[in-house]
Amino acid sequence: LGAVSAGSGGSGAMRSMLRGMLGGGPMTLGCGDSHKAACAANIARARGVDLQDVYFFDDKATAVGSFRGSGMNAHQVSCASRDVGGYGLCGATPVEVSLTRGISDCR
């Protein structure tokens, strides 16, 4: 399990909590939405994970779109709770986070 984020991961305490939730797995921070597929592929290669076995979830369609043609799986989440700017408000629901192959967005 790993994480890719455009942000900083919060304060030191927040980053520590996130690392704990990831079970010590890799966390790539400061990775812009259009580069998230490349960041995820780097993690997969470093961990010896086949790209077809990578699953990515994000509330932004641009981040998910960066995975098209990558051989990885990516799905937009928080589709039922969107704000005016198109951002997810309350995070993913359990049904949105599934190991479904392919790329999907809220449209």
C-alpha atoms as a PDB file:
ATOM      1  CA  LEU A   1       0.000   0.000   0.000  1.00  0.00           C
ATOM      2  CA  GLY A   2       1.349   3.426  -0.938  1.00  0.00           C
ATOM      3  CA  ALA A   3       0.118   6.975  -1.401  1.00  0.00           C
ATOM      4  CA  VAL A   4       0.624   9.740  -3.950  1.00  0.00           C
ATOM      5  CA  SER A   5      -0.395  13.288  -3.031  1.00  0.00           C
ATOM      6  CA  ALA A   6      -0.126  16.715  -4.619  1.00  0.00           C
ATOM      7  CA  GLY A   7       0.094  18.148  -1.114  1.00  0.00           C
ATOM      8  CA  SER A   8       2.657  18.052   1.645  1.00  0.00           C
ATOM      9  CA  GLY A   9       0.968  15.418   3.789  1.00  0.00           C
ATOM     10  CA  GLY A  10       0.284  17.957   6.532  1.00  0.00           C
ATOM     11  CA  SER A  11       2.381  18.573   9.601  1.00  0.00           C
ATOM     12  CA  GLY A  12       4.995  16.140  10.886  1.00  0.00           C
ATOM     13  CA  ALA A  13       2.410  14.532  13.162  1.00  0.00           C
ATOM     14  CA  MET A  14      -0.056  14.144  10.273  1.00  0.00           C
ATOM     15  CA  ARG A  15       2.611  12.625   8.020  1.00  0.00           C
ATOM     16  CA  SER A  16       3.548  10.181  10.784  1.00  0.00           C
ATOM     17  CA  MET A  17      -0.090   9.172  11.161  1.00  0.00           C
ATOM     18  CA  LEU A  18      -0.414   8.681   7.380  1.00  0.00           C
ATOM     19  CA  ARG A  19       2.757   6.582   7.275  1.00  0.00           C
ATOM     20  CA  GLY A  20       1.328   4.444  10.066  1.00  0.00           C
ATOM     21  CA  MET A  21      -1.910   3.963   8.147  1.00  0.00           C
ATOM     22  CA  LEU A  22       0.126   2.904   5.120  1.00  0.00           C
ATOM     23  CA  GLY A  23       1.911   0.283   7.198  1.00  0.00           C
ATOM     24  CA  GLY A  24       5.244   1.879   6.403  1.00  0.00           C
ATOM     25  CA  GLY A  25       4.494   1.843   2.685  1.00  0.00           C
ATOM     26  CA  PRO A  26       5.849   4.543   0.375  1.00  0.00           C
ATOM     27  CA  MET A  27       4.346   8.015   0.242  1.00  0.00           C
ATOM     28  CA  THR A  28       5.161  10.387  -2.625  1.00  0.00           C
ATOM     29  CA  LEU A  29       4.311  14.005  -1.786  1.00  0.00           C
ATOM     30  CA  GLY A  30       4.232  17.109  -3.980  1.00  0.00           C
ATOM     31  CA  CYS A  31       3.221  15.126  -7.065  1.00  0.00           C
ATOM     32  CA  GLY A  32       0.968  17.298  -9.263  1.00  0.00           C
ATOM     33  CA  ASP A  33      -2.253  15.842 -10.641  1.00  0.00           C
ATOM     34  CA  SER A  34      -0.937  15.483 -14.198  1.00  0.00           C
ATOM     35  CA  HIS A  35       2.082  13.542 -12.879  1.00  0.00           C
ATOM     36  CA  LYS A  36       0.357  11.198 -10.437  1.00  0.00           C
ATOM     37  CA  ALA A  37       0.483   8.241 -12.839  1.00  0.00           C
ATOM     38  CA  ALA A  38       4.256   8.626 -13.171  1.00  0.00           C
ATOM     39  CA  CYS A  39       4.636   8.902  -9.384  1.00  0.00           C
ATOM     40  CA  ALA A  40       2.505   5.766  -8.868  1.00  0.00           C
ATOM     41  CA  ALA A  41       4.489   3.890 -11.531  1.00  0.00           C
ATOM     42  CA  ASN A  42       7.734   4.809  -9.771  1.00  0.00           C
ATOM     43  CA  ILE A  43       6.401   3.366  -6.503  1.00  0.00           C
ATOM     44  CA  ALA A  44       5.211   0.207  -8.277  1.00  0.00           C
ATOM     45  CA  ARG A  45       8.556  -0.350  -9.998  1.00  0.00           C
ATOM     46  CA  ALA A  46      10.477   0.242  -6.766  1.00  0.00           C
ATOM     47  CA  ARG A  47       8.265  -2.295  -4.985  1.00  0.00           C
ATOM     48  CA  GLY A  48       8.247  -4.854  -7.823  1.00  0.00           C
ATOM     49  CA  VAL A  49       4.491  -4.488  -8.393  1.00  0.00           C
ATOM     50  CA  ASP A  50       3.093  -5.075 -11.896  1.00  0.00           C
ATOM     51  CA  LEU A  51       1.464  -1.916 -13.230  1.00  0.00           C
ATOM     52  CA  GLN A  52      -1.790  -3.805 -13.889  1.00  0.00           C
ATOM     53  CA  ASP A  53      -1.992  -4.431 -10.137  1.00  0.00           C
ATOM     54  CA  VAL A  54      -1.859  -0.719  -9.210  1.00  0.00           C
ATOM     55  CA  TYR A  55      -5.151   0.858  -8.106  1.00  0.00           C
ATOM     56  CA  PHE A  56      -5.382   4.627  -7.658  1.00  0.00           C
ATOM     57  CA  PHE A  57      -8.288   6.640  -6.206  1.00  0.00           C
ATOM     58  CA  ASP A  58      -8.635  10.442  -6.300  1.00  0.00           C
ATOM     59  CA  ASP A  59     -11.399  13.031  -6.134  1.00  0.00           C
ATOM     60  CA  LYS A  60     -10.035  14.929  -9.165  1.00  0.00           C
ATOM     61  CA  ALA A  61     -10.763  13.833 -12.731  1.00  0.00           C
ATOM     62  CA  THR A  62      -7.469  15.356 -13.937  1.00  0.00           C
ATOM     63  CA  ALA A  63      -5.482  13.105 -11.608  1.00  0.00           C
ATOM     64  CA  VAL A  64      -7.415  10.027 -12.714  1.00  0.00           C
ATOM     65  CA  GLY A  65      -7.060  11.053 -16.367  1.00  0.00           C
ATOM     66  CA  SER A  66      -3.271  11.017 -16.060  1.00  0.00           C
ATOM     67  CA  PHE A  67      -3.517   7.210 -15.772  1.00  0.00           C
ATOM     68  CA  ARG A  68      -5.039   6.710 -19.240  1.00  0.00           C
ATOM     69  CA  GLY A  69      -2.744   4.500 -21.290  1.00  0.00           C
ATOM     70  CA  SER A  70      -0.523   3.725 -18.292  1.00  0.00           C
ATOM     71  CA  GLY A  71      -1.603   0.123 -17.782  1.00  0.00           C
ATOM     72  CA  MET A  72      -2.667   0.997 -14.228  1.00  0.00           C
ATOM     73  CA  ASN A  73      -6.160   1.294 -12.765  1.00  0.00           C
ATOM     74  CA  ALA A  74      -7.575   4.626 -11.551  1.00  0.00           C
ATOM     75  CA  HIS A  75     -10.986   5.697 -10.340  1.00  0.00           C
ATOM     76  CA  GLN A  76     -12.462   9.029  -9.348  1.00  0.00           C
ATOM     77  CA  VAL A  77     -14.155   8.920  -5.943  1.00  0.00           C
ATOM     78  CA  SER A  78     -16.372  11.180  -3.871  1.00  0.00           C
ATOM     79  CA  CYS A  79     -18.710  11.364  -6.858  1.00  0.00           C
ATOM     80  CA  ALA A  80     -21.904  11.791  -4.838  1.00  0.00           C
ATOM     81  CA  SER A  81     -20.549  14.752  -2.845  1.00  0.00           C
ATOM     82  CA  ARG A  82     -19.057  17.407  -5.123  1.00  0.00           C
ATOM     83  CA  ASP A  83     -18.676  21.113  -4.462  1.00  0.00           C
ATOM     84  CA  VAL A  84     -19.112  23.904  -7.025  1.00  0.00           C
ATOM     85  CA  GLY A  85     -15.426  23.697  -7.999  1.00  0.00           C
ATOM     86  CA  GLY A  86     -15.720  19.973  -8.666  1.00  0.00           C
ATOM     87  CA  TYR A  87     -13.817  18.750  -5.602  1.00  0.00           C
ATOM     88  CA  GLY A  88     -15.035  15.869  -3.493  1.00  0.00           C
ATOM     89  CA  LEU A  89     -16.392  17.020  -0.154  1.00  0.00           C
ATOM     90  CA  CYS A  90     -16.520  13.999   2.103  1.00  0.00           C
ATOM     91  CA  GLY A  91     -14.104  11.522   0.594  1.00  0.00           C
ATOM     92  CA  ALA A  92     -14.773   8.184  -0.965  1.00  0.00           C
ATOM     93  CA  THR A  93     -17.517   5.832   0.061  1.00  0.00           C
ATOM     94  CA  PRO A  94     -16.564   2.184   0.612  1.00  0.00           C
ATOM     95  CA  VAL A  95     -18.400   1.132  -2.567  1.00  0.00           C
ATOM     96  CA  GLU A  96     -16.274   3.552  -4.637  1.00  0.00           C
ATOM     97  CA  VAL A  97     -13.040   1.921  -3.480  1.00  0.00           C
ATOM     98  CA  SER A  98     -12.939  -1.436  -5.223  1.00  0.00           C
ATOM     99  CA  LEU A  99     -10.364  -3.359  -7.188  1.00  0.00           C
ATOM    100  CA  THR A 100     -12.095  -2.788 -10.508  1.00  0.00           C
ATOM    101  CA  ARG A 101      -9.783  -2.782 -13.502  1.00  0.00           C
ATOM    102  CA  GLY A 102      -9.760   0.237 -15.803  1.00  0.00           C
ATOM    103  CA  ILE A 103     -10.185   3.994 -15.559  1.00  0.00           C
ATOM    104  CA  SER A 104     -13.396   5.713 -14.456  1.00  0.00           C
ATOM    105  CA  ASP A 105     -14.514   9.186 -13.483  1.00  0.00           C
ATOM    106  CA  CYS A 106     -17.703  10.729 -12.120  1.00  0.00           C
ATOM    107  CA  ARG A 107     -19.168  11.516 -15.534  1.00  0.00           C
END
